[in-house]
Amino acid sequence: MNGSQADVTARAAWLSSCCNQSGVLPEPPEGPRAVQAAVLGVLSLLVLCGLLFLGAGLLLRAQGLTALLARELRASRDGEPGGASGGEDDS
C-alpha cells in the first residue's frame, strides 16, 4: 500500500467515524437537549410573567385614568348651572 492509498484509507476511516455514510448526522447526546429545553422553559416563563406584569400595570393605569375622567365629568356636571343641559352656549 503506497502513501496515497493510506491517505485515502485514513480519510475514509475519519469520515465514517465522523459522519454517517448515509448522510444523516449522528444524534447528539440527550443531556444538552434536556438542558436546552429547561432553559427555554424558564425563559418562556419569564417572558410570560413580564407580559402579565406589564399588562396588569397598563390595566391599572387605564382604570385609574377612567376613574379620574369619570370624577372630573361628575364634578363638571355638578358645578354647571342647570345640571346636564347637554349643549354649550358659546355666545
Protein backbone atom coordinates (compact mmCIF):
# COMPACT_ATOMS: atom_id res chain seq x y z
CA MET A 1 0.00 0.00 0.00
CA ASN A 2 1.57 3.30 -1.00
CA GLY A 3 1.22 6.70 0.72
CA SER A 4 -1.74 7.97 -1.31
CA GLN A 5 -3.77 4.82 -0.68
CA ALA A 6 -3.04 5.06 3.04
CA ASP A 7 -4.12 8.70 2.96
CA VAL A 8 -7.39 7.81 1.21
CA THR A 9 -7.99 4.99 3.66
CA ALA A 10 -7.34 7.31 6.59
CA ARG A 11 -9.77 9.89 5.19
CA ALA A 12 -12.44 7.25 4.65
CA ALA A 13 -11.99 5.99 8.20
CA TRP A 14 -12.21 9.51 9.53
CA LEU A 15 -15.36 10.22 7.50
CA SER A 16 -17.04 7.04 8.62
CA SER A 17 -16.25 7.80 12.26
CA CYS A 18 -17.21 11.47 11.93
CA CYS A 19 -20.34 11.28 9.81
CA ASN A 20 -22.77 8.58 8.95
CA GLN A 21 -22.25 7.50 5.34
CA SER A 22 -25.97 7.70 4.66
CA GLY A 23 -25.79 11.47 5.09
CA VAL A 24 -27.71 11.50 8.36
CA LEU A 25 -25.89 13.33 11.11
CA PRO A 26 -25.39 11.37 14.31
CA GLU A 27 -27.79 12.19 17.13
CA PRO A 28 -26.39 14.48 19.83
CA PRO A 29 -26.46 13.18 23.38
CA GLU A 30 -29.66 13.79 25.30
CA GLY A 31 -28.02 15.79 28.10
CA PRO A 32 -27.56 19.09 26.25
CA ARG A 33 -31.01 18.80 24.68
CA ALA A 34 -32.60 18.44 28.13
CA VAL A 35 -30.66 21.43 29.42
CA GLN A 36 -31.70 23.46 26.37
CA ALA A 37 -35.35 22.53 26.92
CA ALA A 38 -35.14 23.53 30.59
CA VAL A 39 -33.52 26.87 29.77
CA LEU A 40 -36.11 27.60 27.08
CA GLY A 41 -38.90 26.71 29.50
CA VAL A 42 -37.55 29.06 32.17
CA LEU A 43 -37.09 31.86 29.65
CA SER A 44 -40.62 31.35 28.37
CA LEU A 45 -41.99 31.61 31.89
CA LEU A 46 -40.00 34.80 32.49
CA VAL A 47 -41.33 36.36 29.31
CA LEU A 48 -44.89 35.34 30.19
CA CYS A 49 -44.57 36.79 33.70
CA GLY A 50 -43.14 40.00 32.27
CA LEU A 51 -46.01 40.35 29.83
CA LEU A 52 -48.55 39.72 32.57
CA PHE A 53 -46.84 42.27 34.81
CA LEU A 54 -46.80 44.92 32.09
CA GLY A 55 -50.37 44.13 31.05
CA ALA A 56 -51.60 44.38 34.63
CA GLY A 57 -49.81 47.71 35.03
CA LEU A 58 -51.43 49.04 31.88
CA LEU A 59 -54.85 47.86 33.02
CA LEU A 60 -54.46 49.51 36.40
CA ARG A 61 -53.32 52.75 34.76
CA ALA A 62 -56.29 52.65 32.37
CA GLN A 63 -58.70 52.03 35.24
CA GLY A 64 -57.18 54.91 37.20
CA LEU A 65 -57.44 57.26 34.23
CA THR A 66 -61.03 56.17 33.60
CA ALA A 67 -61.94 56.78 37.24
CA LEU A 68 -60.24 60.18 37.16
CA LEU A 69 -62.09 61.15 33.98
CA ALA A 70 -65.41 59.99 35.45
CA ARG A 71 -64.75 62.04 38.59
CA GLU A 72 -63.94 65.14 36.55
CA LEU A 73 -67.07 64.69 34.43
CA ARG A 74 -69.19 64.31 37.54
CA ALA A 75 -67.62 67.38 39.12
CA SER A 76 -68.13 69.46 35.97
CA ARG A 77 -71.79 68.39 35.71
CA ASP A 78 -72.41 69.17 39.37
CA GLY A 79 -70.76 72.57 39.01
CA GLU A 80 -72.75 73.61 35.92
CA PRO A 81 -75.87 75.66 36.45
CA GLY A 82 -78.83 73.79 35.08
CA GLY A 83 -77.33 70.31 35.54
CA ALA A 84 -76.76 68.20 32.46
CA SER A 85 -78.12 70.59 29.85
CA GLY A 86 -76.41 68.79 27.00
CA GLY A 87 -75.37 71.82 24.96
CA GLU A 88 -72.82 74.55 25.44
CA ASP A 89 -73.53 78.20 24.84
CA ASP A 90 -70.51 79.97 23.31
CA SER A 91 -72.15 83.41 22.77
